[in-house]
N, C-alpha and C. Protein backbone atom coordinates (compact mmCIF):
# COMPACT_ATOMS: atom_id res chain seq x y z
N MET A 1 -15.26 8.63 -1.29
CA MET A 1 -13.56 9.10 -2.18
C MET A 1 -13.24 10.30 -0.75
N SER A 2 -11.78 10.93 -0.92
CA SER A 2 -11.11 11.04 0.09
C SER A 2 -9.93 11.83 -0.66
N PRO A 3 -10.34 12.98 -1.41
CA PRO A 3 -9.20 13.21 -1.99
C PRO A 3 -8.41 14.27 -1.06
N ASN A 4 -7.10 14.31 -1.38
CA ASN A 4 -5.84 14.65 -0.52
C ASN A 4 -5.83 16.46 -1.74
N ILE A 5 -6.65 17.36 -1.45
CA ILE A 5 -5.96 19.00 -1.62
C ILE A 5 -5.20 19.06 -1.08
N SER A 6 -4.04 19.87 -2.03
CA SER A 6 -2.87 20.34 -1.31
C SER A 6 -2.76 21.95 -2.28
N ILE A 7 -2.35 22.53 -1.44
CA ILE A 7 -1.96 23.72 -2.20
C ILE A 7 -0.43 24.16 -1.96
N ASN A 8 0.15 24.37 -2.43
CA ASN A 8 1.75 24.59 -2.27
C ASN A 8 1.93 26.34 -2.60
N TRP A 9 1.77 27.54 -1.40
CA TRP A 9 1.86 28.65 -0.75
C TRP A 9 3.30 29.20 -1.76
N ALA A 10 4.16 28.87 -1.36
CA ALA A 10 5.49 28.73 -1.68
C ALA A 10 5.99 28.52 -3.30
N ALA A 11 5.25 28.19 -3.98
CA ALA A 11 5.21 27.92 -5.79
C ALA A 11 4.63 29.20 -6.57
N GLN A 12 5.88 29.23 -7.58
CA GLN A 12 5.39 29.79 -8.54
C GLN A 12 4.04 29.22 -9.76
N GLY A 13 3.09 30.26 -10.06
CA GLY A 13 2.78 29.57 -10.96
C GLY A 13 1.22 28.79 -10.43
N ASP A 14 0.77 27.73 -11.06
CA ASP A 14 0.10 26.72 -10.29
C ASP A 14 0.13 26.10 -8.86
N LYS A 15 -0.35 26.57 -8.04
CA LYS A 15 -0.22 26.02 -6.61
C LYS A 15 -1.12 24.64 -5.68
N VAL A 16 -2.34 24.91 -6.90
CA VAL A 16 -3.20 23.83 -5.82
C VAL A 16 -3.01 22.37 -7.46
N THR A 17 -3.46 21.22 -6.02
CA THR A 17 -4.13 19.92 -6.43
C THR A 17 -5.39 19.91 -6.02
N LEU A 18 -6.42 19.67 -7.33
CA LEU A 18 -7.70 19.35 -6.96
C LEU A 18 -8.14 17.78 -7.62
N PRO A 19 -7.74 16.77 -6.83
CA PRO A 19 -8.61 15.29 -7.04
C PRO A 19 -9.76 15.16 -7.54
N ILE A 20 -10.06 14.59 -8.22
CA ILE A 20 -11.57 14.02 -8.24
C ILE A 20 -11.29 12.09 -8.71
N GLY A 21 -11.96 11.53 -8.47
CA GLY A 21 -12.21 9.92 -8.33
C GLY A 21 -12.97 8.98 -7.53
N LEU A 22 -12.93 8.01 -7.26
CA LEU A 22 -13.71 6.84 -6.88
C LEU A 22 -13.52 5.87 -6.34
N GLY A 23 -13.84 5.31 -5.19
CA GLY A 23 -13.57 4.29 -4.25
C GLY A 23 -14.36 3.29 -4.11
N VAL A 24 -13.41 2.13 -3.63
CA VAL A 24 -14.52 1.14 -4.03
C VAL A 24 -14.31 0.41 -2.16
N THR A 25 -15.43 -0.19 -1.44
CA THR A 25 -14.92 -0.88 -0.07
C THR A 25 -15.94 -1.96 -0.13
N ARG A 26 -14.74 -2.80 0.69
CA ARG A 26 -15.72 -4.22 1.08
C ARG A 26 -15.02 -4.47 2.33
N MET A 27 -16.35 -5.01 3.02
CA MET A 27 -15.91 -6.05 4.41
C MET A 27 -15.52 -7.41 3.57
N VAL A 28 -14.51 -7.85 4.62
CA VAL A 28 -14.35 -9.23 4.42
C VAL A 28 -14.20 -9.86 5.36
N GLN A 29 -14.04 -11.36 6.34
CA GLN A 29 -13.89 -12.34 7.20
C GLN A 29 -12.45 -12.58 7.11
N ILE A 30 -11.84 -12.31 8.05
CA ILE A 30 -10.23 -13.07 7.71
C ILE A 30 -10.06 -13.54 9.00
N GLY A 31 -9.98 -14.91 9.13
CA GLY A 31 -9.97 -15.58 10.28
C GLY A 31 -11.37 -14.89 11.58
N PRO A 32 -11.00 -14.63 12.74
CA PRO A 32 -12.13 -14.35 13.16
C PRO A 32 -12.58 -12.70 13.49
N LEU A 33 -11.72 -11.93 12.80
CA LEU A 33 -11.78 -10.18 12.65
C LEU A 33 -12.19 -9.95 11.16
N PRO A 34 -13.19 -9.33 11.05
CA PRO A 34 -13.72 -8.51 10.05
C PRO A 34 -12.15 -7.90 9.58
N VAL A 35 -12.11 -7.48 7.81
CA VAL A 35 -11.15 -6.66 7.69
C VAL A 35 -12.05 -5.38 6.57
N ASN A 36 -11.78 -4.12 6.76
CA ASN A 36 -12.30 -3.43 5.55
C ASN A 36 -11.38 -3.36 4.57
N ILE A 37 -11.92 -3.33 3.75
CA ILE A 37 -10.55 -3.30 2.37
C ILE A 37 -11.28 -2.03 1.51
N ASP A 38 -10.28 -1.14 1.00
CA ASP A 38 -10.99 0.06 0.76
C ASP A 38 -10.17 0.56 -0.47
N GLY A 39 -10.54 0.69 -1.93
CA GLY A 39 -9.03 0.99 -2.82
C GLY A 39 -10.11 2.22 -3.27
N GLU A 40 -9.00 3.28 -4.00
CA GLU A 40 -9.50 4.64 -4.55
C GLU A 40 -8.79 5.28 -5.43
N VAL A 41 -9.09 5.62 -6.52
CA VAL A 41 -8.23 6.26 -7.58
C VAL A 41 -8.39 7.66 -8.09
N ASP A 42 -7.34 8.21 -7.95
CA ASP A 42 -8.09 9.96 -7.99
C ASP A 42 -6.90 9.95 -9.30
N TYR A 43 -8.17 11.34 -10.08
CA TYR A 43 -7.28 12.02 -10.93
C TYR A 43 -7.15 13.63 -10.39
N SER A 44 -6.04 14.58 -11.21
CA SER A 44 -6.32 15.36 -10.51
C SER A 44 -6.56 16.40 -12.15
N VAL A 45 -7.58 17.18 -11.30
CA VAL A 45 -8.29 18.19 -12.79
C VAL A 45 -7.44 19.56 -12.36
N ILE A 46 -7.09 19.61 -11.71
CA ILE A 46 -5.91 20.74 -11.42
C ILE A 46 -5.08 20.24 -11.06
N HIS A 47 -4.20 20.94 -11.42
CA HIS A 47 -2.45 20.06 -10.93
C HIS A 47 -1.34 21.11 -11.76
N PRO A 48 -0.07 21.23 -10.62
CA PRO A 48 1.08 21.61 -11.29
C PRO A 48 1.40 21.03 -12.10
N GLY A 49 2.05 21.98 -13.16
CA GLY A 49 2.33 21.68 -14.48
C GLY A 49 3.81 21.25 -14.11
N ASP A 50 4.54 21.32 -12.99
CA ASP A 50 6.23 21.02 -12.68
C ASP A 50 5.98 19.33 -11.79
N LYS A 51 5.51 18.68 -12.38
CA LYS A 51 5.91 17.29 -11.31
C LYS A 51 4.75 16.51 -12.60
N PRO A 52 5.75 15.61 -12.96
CA PRO A 52 5.02 14.52 -13.99
C PRO A 52 3.47 13.25 -13.85
N GLY A 53 4.09 13.33 -12.03
CA GLY A 53 3.79 12.42 -11.89
C GLY A 53 2.49 12.69 -10.73
N SER A 54 1.81 14.12 -11.07
CA SER A 54 1.14 14.57 -10.41
C SER A 54 -0.28 14.17 -10.76
N ARG A 55 -0.87 13.61 -11.49
CA ARG A 55 -1.92 13.59 -12.16
C ARG A 55 -2.98 12.28 -11.44
N TRP A 56 -2.00 11.44 -11.49
CA TRP A 56 -2.31 10.03 -11.27
C TRP A 56 -2.71 9.83 -9.80
N ASN A 57 -3.90 9.03 -8.87
CA ASN A 57 -3.10 9.18 -7.48
C ASN A 57 -3.80 7.53 -6.90
N ALA A 58 -3.14 6.61 -6.56
CA ALA A 58 -4.24 5.52 -5.82
C ALA A 58 -3.44 4.55 -4.64
N ARG A 59 -4.59 4.54 -4.03
CA ARG A 59 -4.25 4.37 -2.42
C ARG A 59 -4.93 2.86 -2.17
N ILE A 60 -5.13 2.66 -1.72
CA ILE A 60 -5.34 0.75 -0.56
C ILE A 60 -5.36 0.56 0.60
N TYR A 61 -6.24 0.69 1.47
CA TYR A 61 -6.30 0.56 2.69
C TYR A 61 -7.14 -0.29 2.99
N PHE A 62 -6.20 -0.72 4.37
CA PHE A 62 -7.21 -1.89 5.11
C PHE A 62 -6.66 -2.06 6.46
N THR A 63 -8.19 -1.79 7.08
CA THR A 63 -8.57 -1.33 8.18
C THR A 63 -9.12 -2.73 9.29
N ILE A 64 -8.55 -3.16 10.39
CA ILE A 64 -9.19 -4.18 11.29
C ILE A 64 -10.56 -4.02 11.61
N VAL A 65 -11.56 -4.34 11.97
CA VAL A 65 -12.69 -4.01 12.63
C VAL A 65 -12.19 -4.90 14.26
N ILE A 66 -11.78 -4.33 15.29
CA ILE A 66 -12.16 -4.79 16.55
C ILE A 66 -13.27 -4.67 17.12
N PRO A 67 -13.94 -5.95 17.70
CA PRO A 67 -15.16 -5.94 18.25
C PRO A 67 -14.98 -5.31 19.40
N THR A 68 -15.91 -4.52 20.20
CA THR A 68 -15.82 -3.64 21.35
C THR A 68 -15.58 -4.70 22.87
N PHE A 69 -16.14 -6.21 22.26
CA PHE A 69 -16.10 -7.48 23.48
C PHE A 69 -14.76 -7.21 23.74
N VAL A 70 -13.50 -7.21 23.11
CA VAL A 70 -12.66 -7.89 23.06
C VAL A 70 -11.80 -7.15 24.66
N PHE A 71 -12.28 -5.77 24.42
CA PHE A 71 -11.69 -5.26 25.53
C PHE A 71 -12.13 -5.20 26.96
């Protein structure tokens, strides 16, 4: 889990967004290179009331792992 905790110091009222969530990571082979695929879903337990979409957040990461012997 890698939540994005944010604070809006200039806002009136609720200023903090505090998410909790779960993620899954899987290493797969695509061609000759391994690829790390990571998916995560977060729910903001504390959130500003002025943003209607501020409760849920979803992310997908694709990271190509390059072996050191290539360089």
